[in-house]
Amino acid sequence: MAQDLSEKDLLKMEVEQLKKEVKNTRIPISKAGKEIKEYVEAQAGNDPFLKGIPEDKNPFKEKGPTFNALLLLLGRAFWLELAWSRTP
């Protein structure tokens, strides 16, 4: 889309964007940093990276050996079926 526009049109778009950005309220980085820190500390209790995931709710928990054996058997059955279907 930008390739179809003239240089004048691109400059107009840039000026419009800068006009929008100049209206944004700005705060000092010291205040923004303090607010971000307070927010992160307030949310820390809900962060699974910090407190971990309970074993009963963990979708990535290692499955038992029975499940792994079943997957292995299903995989072998698939490859055997594939091999038999390709033999003349």
PDB file of N, CA and C in Angstrom:
ATOM      1  N   MET A   1       0.824  -1.184   0.000  1.00  0.00           N
ATOM      2  CA  MET A   1       0.000   0.000   0.000  1.00  0.00           C
ATOM      3  C   MET A   1       0.871   1.252   0.000  1.00  0.00           C
ATOM      4  N   ALA A   2       1.907   1.273   0.849  1.00  0.00           N
ATOM      5  CA  ALA A   2       2.759   2.452   0.938  1.00  0.00           C
ATOM      6  C   ALA A   2       3.512   2.673  -0.363  1.00  0.00           C
ATOM      7  N   GLN A   3       3.716   1.623  -1.136  1.00  0.00           N
ATOM      8  CA  GLN A   3       4.432   1.755  -2.404  1.00  0.00           C
ATOM      9  C   GLN A   3       3.600   2.518  -3.430  1.00  0.00           C
ATOM     10  N   ASP A   4       2.293   2.459  -3.302  1.00  0.00           N
ATOM     11  CA  ASP A   4       1.401   3.127  -4.244  1.00  0.00           C
ATOM     12  C   ASP A   4       1.253   4.617  -3.967  1.00  0.00           C
ATOM     13  N   LEU A   5       1.703   5.075  -2.805  1.00  0.00           N
ATOM     14  CA  LEU A   5       1.532   6.471  -2.426  1.00  0.00           C
ATOM     15  C   LEU A   5       2.729   7.301  -2.875  1.00  0.00           C
ATOM     16  N   SER A   6       2.459   8.564  -3.158  1.00  0.00           N
ATOM     17  CA  SER A   6       3.548   9.468  -3.527  1.00  0.00           C
ATOM     18  C   SER A   6       4.300   9.892  -2.272  1.00  0.00           C
ATOM     19  N   GLU A   7       5.435  10.507  -2.478  1.00  0.00           N
ATOM     20  CA  GLU A   7       6.234  10.964  -1.334  1.00  0.00           C
ATOM     21  C   GLU A   7       5.464  12.004  -0.523  1.00  0.00           C
ATOM     22  N   LYS A   8       4.700  12.830  -1.218  1.00  0.00           N
ATOM     23  CA  LYS A   8       3.903  13.862  -0.555  1.00  0.00           C
ATOM     24  C   LYS A   8       2.855  13.212   0.351  1.00  0.00           C
ATOM     25  N   ASP A   9       2.184  12.171  -0.161  1.00  0.00           N
ATOM     26  CA  ASP A   9       1.171  11.473   0.636  1.00  0.00           C
ATOM     27  C   ASP A   9       1.800  10.805   1.863  1.00  0.00           C
ATOM     28  N   LEU A  10       2.971  10.227   1.674  1.00  0.00           N
ATOM     29  CA  LEU A  10       3.662   9.591   2.803  1.00  0.00           C
ATOM     30  C   LEU A  10       4.036  10.612   3.870  1.00  0.00           C
ATOM     31  N   LEU A  11       4.488  11.789   3.434  1.00  0.00           N
ATOM     32  CA  LEU A  11       4.832  12.840   4.392  1.00  0.00           C
ATOM     33  C   LEU A  11       3.598  13.350   5.127  1.00  0.00           C
ATOM     34  N   LYS A  12       2.475  13.458   4.414  1.00  0.00           N
ATOM     35  CA  LYS A  12       1.222  13.875   5.064  1.00  0.00           C
ATOM     36  C   LYS A  12       0.825  12.867   6.140  1.00  0.00           C
ATOM     37  N   MET A  13       0.944  11.564   5.813  1.00  0.00           N
ATOM     38  CA  MET A  13       0.606  10.528   6.785  1.00  0.00           C
ATOM     39  C   MET A  13       1.514  10.618   8.007  1.00  0.00           C
ATOM     40  N   GLU A  14       2.796  10.881   7.772  1.00  0.00           N
ATOM     41  CA  GLU A  14       3.739  10.993   8.882  1.00  0.00           C
ATOM     42  C   GLU A  14       3.405  12.185   9.769  1.00  0.00           C
ATOM     43  N   VAL A  15       3.053  13.313   9.162  1.00  0.00           N
ATOM     44  CA  VAL A  15       2.680  14.509   9.935  1.00  0.00           C
ATOM     45  C   VAL A  15       1.422  14.235  10.760  1.00  0.00           C
ATOM     46  N   GLU A  16       0.439  13.567  10.167  1.00  0.00           N
ATOM     47  CA  GLU A  16      -0.784  13.228  10.899  1.00  0.00           C
ATOM     48  C   GLU A  16      -0.469  12.332  12.102  1.00  0.00           C
ATOM     49  N   GLN A  17       0.406  11.373  11.896  1.00  0.00           N
ATOM     50  CA  GLN A  17       0.783  10.488  12.992  1.00  0.00           C
ATOM     51  C   GLN A  17       1.495  11.265  14.098  1.00  0.00           C
ATOM     52  N   LEU A  18       2.389  12.152  13.721  1.00  0.00           N
ATOM     53  CA  LEU A  18       3.094  12.957  14.719  1.00  0.00           C
ATOM     54  C   LEU A  18       2.143  13.870  15.478  1.00  0.00           C
ATOM     55  N   LYS A  19       1.115  14.390  14.807  1.00  0.00           N
ATOM     56  CA  LYS A  19       0.116  15.219  15.489  1.00  0.00           C
ATOM     57  C   LYS A  19      -0.637  14.400  16.538  1.00  0.00           C
ATOM     58  N   LYS A  20      -0.924  13.139  16.213  1.00  0.00           N
ATOM     59  CA  LYS A  20      -1.603  12.274  17.178  1.00  0.00           C
ATOM     60  C   LYS A  20      -0.688  11.986  18.369  1.00  0.00           C
ATOM     61  N   GLU A  21       0.574  11.730  18.076  1.00  0.00           N
ATOM     62  CA  GLU A  21       1.512  11.372  19.138  1.00  0.00           C
ATOM     63  C   GLU A  21       1.809  12.530  20.077  1.00  0.00           C
ATOM     64  N   VAL A  22       1.813  13.754  19.561  1.00  0.00           N
ATOM     65  CA  VAL A  22       2.125  14.905  20.402  1.00  0.00           C
ATOM     66  C   VAL A  22       1.021  15.142  21.438  1.00  0.00           C
ATOM     67  N   LYS A  23      -0.183  14.649  21.173  1.00  0.00           N
ATOM     68  CA  LYS A  23      -1.300  14.816  22.112  1.00  0.00           C
ATOM     69  C   LYS A  23      -1.228  13.832  23.280  1.00  0.00           C
ATOM     70  N   ASN A  24      -0.407  12.789  23.157  1.00  0.00           N
ATOM     71  CA  ASN A  24      -0.290  11.811  24.237  1.00  0.00           C
ATOM     72  C   ASN A  24       0.294  12.467  25.482  1.00  0.00           C
ATOM     73  N   THR A  25      -0.303  12.167  26.620  1.00  0.00           N
ATOM     74  CA  THR A  25       0.256  12.694  27.866  1.00  0.00           C
ATOM     75  C   THR A  25       1.512  11.903  28.203  1.00  0.00           C
ATOM     76  N   ARG A  26       2.499  12.604  28.653  1.00  0.00           N
ATOM     77  CA  ARG A  26       3.773  11.980  28.969  1.00  0.00           C
ATOM     78  C   ARG A  26       4.049  12.139  30.458  1.00  0.00           C
ATOM     79  N   ILE A  27       4.693  11.117  31.021  1.00  0.00           N
ATOM     80  CA  ILE A  27       5.082  11.179  32.428  1.00  0.00           C
ATOM     81  C   ILE A  27       6.569  10.866  32.516  1.00  0.00           C
ATOM     82  N   PRO A  28       7.205  11.356  33.554  1.00  0.00           N
ATOM     83  CA  PRO A  28       8.637  11.079  33.714  1.00  0.00           C
ATOM     84  C   PRO A  28       8.887   9.571  33.887  1.00  0.00           C
ATOM     85  N   ILE A  29      10.026   9.115  33.411  1.00  0.00           N
ATOM     86  CA  ILE A  29      10.360   7.700  33.497  1.00  0.00           C
ATOM     87  C   ILE A  29      10.451   7.248  34.952  1.00  0.00           C
ATOM     88  N   SER A  30      10.831   8.144  35.842  1.00  0.00           N
ATOM     89  CA  SER A  30      10.918   7.772  37.254  1.00  0.00           C
ATOM     90  C   SER A  30       9.538   7.405  37.799  1.00  0.00           C
ATOM     91  N   LYS A  31       8.511   8.143  37.385  1.00  0.00           N
ATOM     92  CA  LYS A  31       7.153   7.847  37.833  1.00  0.00           C
ATOM     93  C   LYS A  31       6.625   6.591  37.143  1.00  0.00           C
ATOM     94  N   ALA A  32       6.875   6.459  35.839  1.00  0.00           N
ATOM     95  CA  ALA A  32       6.412   5.281  35.103  1.00  0.00           C
ATOM     96  C   ALA A  32       7.065   4.021  35.649  1.00  0.00           C
ATOM     97  N   GLY A  33       8.358   4.088  35.928  1.00  0.00           N
ATOM     98  CA  GLY A  33       9.068   2.934  36.471  1.00  0.00           C
ATOM     99  C   GLY A  33       8.507   2.509  37.816  1.00  0.00           C
ATOM    100  N   LYS A  34       8.207   3.487  38.661  1.00  0.00           N
ATOM    101  CA  LYS A  34       7.639   3.192  39.981  1.00  0.00           C
ATOM    102  C   LYS A  34       6.268   2.517  39.831  1.00  0.00           C
ATOM    103  N   GLU A  35       5.434   3.030  38.917  1.00  0.00           N
ATOM    104  CA  GLU A  35       4.108   2.449  38.710  1.00  0.00           C
ATOM    105  C   GLU A  35       4.197   1.023  38.163  1.00  0.00           C
ATOM    106  N   ILE A  36       5.128   0.795  37.244  1.00  0.00           N
ATOM    107  CA  ILE A  36       5.306  -0.546  36.691  1.00  0.00           C
ATOM    108  C   ILE A  36       5.766  -1.513  37.779  1.00  0.00           C
ATOM    109  N   LYS A  37       6.711  -1.067  38.600  1.00  0.00           N
ATOM    110  CA  LYS A  37       7.204  -1.914  39.692  1.00  0.00           C
ATOM    111  C   LYS A  37       6.074  -2.278  40.651  1.00  0.00           C
ATOM    112  N   GLU A  38       5.259  -1.299  41.023  1.00  0.00           N
ATOM    113  CA  GLU A  38       4.142  -1.562  41.936  1.00  0.00           C
ATOM    114  C   GLU A  38       3.146  -2.544  41.323  1.00  0.00           C
ATOM    115  N   TYR A  39       2.862  -2.387  40.035  1.00  0.00           N
ATOM    116  CA  TYR A  39       1.929  -3.285  39.358  1.00  0.00           C
ATOM    117  C   TYR A  39       2.468  -4.714  39.329  1.00  0.00           C
ATOM    118  N   VAL A  40       3.747  -4.859  38.981  1.00  0.00           N
ATOM    119  CA  VAL A  40       4.351  -6.194  38.902  1.00  0.00           C
ATOM    120  C   VAL A  40       4.339  -6.859  40.271  1.00  0.00           C
ATOM    121  N   GLU A  41       4.689  -6.115  41.310  1.00  0.00           N
ATOM    122  CA  GLU A  41       4.686  -6.675  42.663  1.00  0.00           C
ATOM    123  C   GLU A  41       3.276  -7.067  43.101  1.00  0.00           C
ATOM    124  N   ALA A  42       2.273  -6.277  42.706  1.00  0.00           N
ATOM    125  CA  ALA A  42       0.889  -6.593  43.072  1.00  0.00           C
ATOM    126  C   ALA A  42       0.403  -7.850  42.359  1.00  0.00           C
ATOM    127  N   GLN A  43       0.882  -8.086  41.136  1.00  0.00           N
ATOM    128  CA  GLN A  43       0.441  -9.245  40.350  1.00  0.00           C
ATOM    129  C   GLN A  43       1.303 -10.485  40.569  1.00  0.00           C
ATOM    130  N   ALA A  44       2.353 -10.384  41.337  1.00  0.00           N
ATOM    131  CA  ALA A  44       3.305 -11.492  41.512  1.00  0.00           C
ATOM    132  C   ALA A  44       2.633 -12.744  42.073  1.00  0.00           C
ATOM    133  N   GLY A  45       1.629 -12.590  42.909  1.00  0.00           N
ATOM    134  CA  GLY A  45       0.950 -13.750  43.486  1.00  0.00           C
ATOM    135  C   GLY A  45       0.202 -14.577  42.463  1.00  0.00           C
ATOM    136  N   ASN A  46      -0.167 -13.989  41.340  1.00  0.00           N
ATOM    137  CA  ASN A  46      -0.904 -14.694  40.292  1.00  0.00           C
ATOM    138  C   ASN A  46      -0.014 -15.186  39.158  1.00  0.00           C
ATOM    139  N   ASP A  47       1.283 -14.940  39.245  1.00  0.00           N
ATOM    140  CA  ASP A  47       2.204 -15.270  38.160  1.00  0.00           C
ATOM    141  C   ASP A  47       2.679 -16.723  38.268  1.00  0.00           C
ATOM    142  N   PRO A  48       2.301 -17.582  37.304  1.00  0.00           N
ATOM    143  CA  PRO A  48       2.707 -18.988  37.392  1.00  0.00           C
ATOM    144  C   PRO A  48       4.211 -19.184  37.231  1.00  0.00           C
ATOM    145  N   PHE A  49       4.904 -18.239  36.618  1.00  0.00           N
ATOM    146  CA  PHE A  49       6.357 -18.361  36.501  1.00  0.00           C
ATOM    147  C   PHE A  49       7.043 -18.177  37.846  1.00  0.00           C
ATOM    148  N   LEU A  50       6.423 -17.414  38.744  1.00  0.00           N
ATOM    149  CA  LEU A  50       7.023 -17.173  40.050  1.00  0.00           C
ATOM    150  C   LEU A  50       6.583 -18.189  41.092  1.00  0.00           C
ATOM    151  N   LYS A  51       5.295 -18.523  41.101  1.00  0.00           N
ATOM    152  CA  LYS A  51       4.819 -19.421  42.151  1.00  0.00           C
ATOM    153  C   LYS A  51       4.634 -20.859  41.688  1.00  0.00           C
ATOM    154  N   GLY A  52       4.732 -21.113  40.401  1.00  0.00           N
ATOM    155  CA  GLY A  52       4.600 -22.475  39.891  1.00  0.00           C
ATOM    156  C   GLY A  52       3.154 -22.841  39.618  1.00  0.00           C
ATOM    157  N   ILE A  53       2.983 -24.000  38.999  1.00  0.00           N
ATOM    158  CA  ILE A  53       1.657 -24.499  38.647  1.00  0.00           C
ATOM    159  C   ILE A  53       1.379 -25.727  39.499  1.00  0.00           C
ATOM    160  N   PRO A  54       0.201 -25.808  40.122  1.00  0.00           N
ATOM    161  CA  PRO A  54      -0.120 -27.007  40.901  1.00  0.00           C
ATOM    162  C   PRO A  54      -0.078 -28.251  40.012  1.00  0.00           C
ATOM    163  N   GLU A  55       0.407 -29.348  40.551  1.00  0.00           N
ATOM    164  CA  GLU A  55       0.573 -30.588  39.781  1.00  0.00           C
ATOM    165  C   GLU A  55      -0.738 -31.055  39.142  1.00  0.00           C
ATOM    166  N   ASP A  56      -1.854 -30.880  39.846  1.00  0.00           N
ATOM    167  CA  ASP A  56      -3.132 -31.372  39.319  1.00  0.00           C
ATOM    168  C   ASP A  56      -3.661 -30.501  38.169  1.00  0.00           C
ATOM    169  N   LYS A  57      -3.133 -29.287  38.000  1.00  0.00           N
ATOM    170  CA  LYS A  57      -3.599 -28.405  36.927  1.00  0.00           C
ATOM    171  C   LYS A  57      -2.557 -28.203  35.828  1.00  0.00           C
ATOM    172  N   ASN A  58      -1.443 -28.907  35.912  1.00  0.00           N
ATOM    173  CA  ASN A  58      -0.360 -28.739  34.954  1.00  0.00           C
ATOM    174  C   ASN A  58      -0.622 -29.569  33.700  1.00  0.00           C
ATOM    175  N   PRO A  59      -0.908 -28.923  32.556  1.00  0.00           N
ATOM    176  CA  PRO A  59      -1.184 -29.682  31.333  1.00  0.00           C
ATOM    177  C   PRO A  59       0.072 -30.311  30.737  1.00  0.00           C
ATOM    178  N   PHE A  60       1.254 -29.891  31.185  1.00  0.00           N
ATOM    179  CA  PHE A  60       2.501 -30.401  30.625  1.00  0.00           C
ATOM    180  C   PHE A  60       3.164 -31.433  31.537  1.00  0.00           C
ATOM    181  N   LYS A  61       2.435 -31.893  32.532  1.00  0.00           N
ATOM    182  CA  LYS A  61       2.965 -32.879  33.469  1.00  0.00           C
ATOM    183  C   LYS A  61       3.312 -34.165  32.717  1.00  0.00           C
ATOM    184  N   GLU A  62       4.431 -34.782  33.110  1.00  0.00           N
ATOM    185  CA  GLU A  62       4.840 -36.051  32.497  1.00  0.00           C
ATOM    186  C   GLU A  62       3.731 -37.074  32.657  1.00  0.00           C
ATOM    187  N   LYS A  63       3.418 -37.732  31.570  1.00  0.00           N
ATOM    188  CA  LYS A  63       2.414 -38.788  31.626  1.00  0.00           C
ATOM    189  C   LYS A  63       3.068 -40.052  32.184  1.00  0.00           C
ATOM    190  N   GLY A  64       2.270 -40.939  32.672  1.00  0.00           N
ATOM    191  CA  GLY A  64       2.782 -42.184  33.247  1.00  0.00           C
ATOM    192  C   GLY A  64       3.352 -43.103  32.182  1.00  0.00           C
ATOM    193  N   PRO A  65       4.044 -44.174  32.600  1.00  0.00           N
ATOM    194  CA  PRO A  65       4.660 -45.087  31.642  1.00  0.00           C
ATOM    195  C   PRO A  65       3.633 -45.795  30.761  1.00  0.00           C
ATOM    196  N   THR A  66       2.425 -45.999  31.252  1.00  0.00           N
ATOM    197  CA  THR A  66       1.389 -46.654  30.460  1.00  0.00           C
ATOM    198  C   THR A  66       1.039 -45.805  29.238  1.00  0.00           C
ATOM    199  N   PHE A  67       0.912 -44.524  29.450  1.00  0.00           N
ATOM    200  CA  PHE A  67       0.586 -43.616  28.346  1.00  0.00           C
ATOM    201  C   PHE A  67       1.703 -43.609  27.312  1.00  0.00           C
ATOM    202  N   ASN A  68       2.951 -43.563  27.766  1.00  0.00           N
ATOM    203  CA  ASN A  68       4.085 -43.555  26.849  1.00  0.00           C
ATOM    204  C   ASN A  68       4.147 -44.854  26.054  1.00  0.00           C
ATOM    205  N   ALA A  69       3.874 -45.975  26.697  1.00  0.00           N
ATOM    206  CA  ALA A  69       3.886 -47.265  26.000  1.00  0.00           C
ATOM    207  C   ALA A  69       2.779 -47.303  24.950  1.00  0.00           C
ATOM    208  N   LEU A  70       1.621 -46.773  25.284  1.00  0.00           N
ATOM    209  CA  LEU A  70       0.513 -46.737  24.336  1.00  0.00           C
ATOM    210  C   LEU A  70       0.881 -45.912  23.100  1.00  0.00           C
ATOM    211  N   LEU A  71       1.499 -44.773  23.313  1.00  0.00           N
ATOM    212  CA  LEU A  71       1.937 -43.951  22.177  1.00  0.00           C
ATOM    213  C   LEU A  71       2.948 -44.694  21.317  1.00  0.00           C
ATOM    214  N   LEU A  72       3.854 -45.403  21.948  1.00  0.00           N
ATOM    215  CA  LEU A  72       4.856 -46.163  21.210  1.00  0.00           C
ATOM    216  C   LEU A  72       4.197 -47.248  20.369  1.00  0.00           C
ATOM    217  N   LEU A  73       3.234 -47.964  20.939  1.00  0.00           N
ATOM    218  CA  LEU A  73       2.537 -49.019  20.202  1.00  0.00           C
ATOM    219  C   LEU A  73       1.734 -48.448  19.037  1.00  0.00           C
ATOM    220  N   LEU A  74       1.061 -47.355  19.269  1.00  0.00           N
ATOM    221  CA  LEU A  74       0.288 -46.729  18.193  1.00  0.00           C
ATOM    222  C   LEU A  74       1.199 -46.266  17.064  1.00  0.00           C
ATOM    223  N   GLY A  75       2.337 -45.720  17.414  1.00  0.00           N
ATOM    224  CA  GLY A  75       3.291 -45.281  16.406  1.00  0.00           C
ATOM    225  C   GLY A  75       3.809 -46.453  15.590  1.00  0.00           C
ATOM    226  N   ARG A  76       4.134 -47.556  16.250  1.00  0.00           N
ATOM    227  CA  ARG A  76       4.622 -48.734  15.538  1.00  0.00           C
ATOM    228  C   ARG A  76       3.531 -49.306  14.636  1.00  0.00           C
ATOM    229  N   ALA A  77       2.304 -49.334  15.132  1.00  0.00           N
ATOM    230  CA  ALA A  77       1.200 -49.862  14.330  1.00  0.00           C
ATOM    231  C   ALA A  77       1.004 -49.010  13.076  1.00  0.00           C
ATOM    232  N   PHE A  78       1.128 -47.710  13.216  1.00  0.00           N
ATOM    233  CA  PHE A  78       0.992 -46.818  12.064  1.00  0.00           C
ATOM    234  C   PHE A  78       2.070 -47.112  11.026  1.00  0.00           C
ATOM    235  N   TRP A  79       3.322 -47.229  11.469  1.00  0.00           N
ATOM    236  CA  TRP A  79       4.413 -47.469  10.526  1.00  0.00           C
ATOM    237  C   TRP A  79       4.305 -48.846   9.889  1.00  0.00           C
ATOM    238  N   LEU A  80       3.846 -49.845  10.637  1.00  0.00           N
ATOM    239  CA  LEU A  80       3.663 -51.173  10.040  1.00  0.00           C
ATOM    240  C   LEU A  80       2.574 -51.134   8.971  1.00  0.00           C
ATOM    241  N   GLU A  81       1.490 -50.471   9.280  1.00  0.00           N
ATOM    242  CA  GLU A  81       0.391 -50.353   8.309  1.00  0.00           C
ATOM    243  C   GLU A  81       0.870 -49.616   7.068  1.00  0.00           C
ATOM    244  N   LEU A  82       1.644 -48.576   7.251  1.00  0.00           N
ATOM    245  CA  LEU A  82       2.178 -47.822   6.132  1.00  0.00           C
ATOM    246  C   LEU A  82       3.108 -48.692   5.284  1.00  0.00           C
ATOM    247  N   ALA A  83       3.957 -49.453   5.945  1.00  0.00           N
ATOM    248  CA  ALA A  83       4.883 -50.328   5.228  1.00  0.00           C
ATOM    249  C   ALA A  83       4.128 -51.405   4.445  1.00  0.00           C
ATOM    250  N   TRP A  84       3.103 -52.000   5.050  1.00  0.00           N
ATOM    251  CA  TRP A  84       2.335 -53.054   4.380  1.00  0.00           C
ATOM    252  C   TRP A  84       1.569 -52.495   3.194  1.00  0.00           C
ATOM    253  N   SER A  85       1.102 -51.272   3.302  1.00  0.00           N
ATOM    254  CA  SER A  85       0.313 -50.699   2.205  1.00  0.00           C
ATOM    255  C   SER A  85       1.194 -50.359   1.008  1.00  0.00           C
ATOM    256  N   ARG A  86       2.482 -50.219   1.195  1.00  0.00           N
ATOM    257  CA  ARG A  86       3.398 -49.852   0.103  1.00  0.00           C
ATOM    258  C   ARG A  86       4.058 -51.072  -0.530  1.00  0.00           C
ATOM    259  N   THR A  87       3.909 -52.241   0.052  1.00  0.00           N
ATOM    260  CA  THR A  87       4.535 -53.425  -0.540  1.00  0.00           C
ATOM    261  C   THR A  87       3.710 -53.893  -1.724  1.00  0.00           C
ATOM    262  N   PRO A  88       4.402 -54.320  -2.784  1.00  0.00           N
ATOM    263  CA  PRO A  88       3.662 -54.749  -3.997  1.00  0.00           C
ATOM    264  C   PRO A  88       2.972 -56.084  -3.818  1.00  0.00           C
TER     265      PRO A  88
END
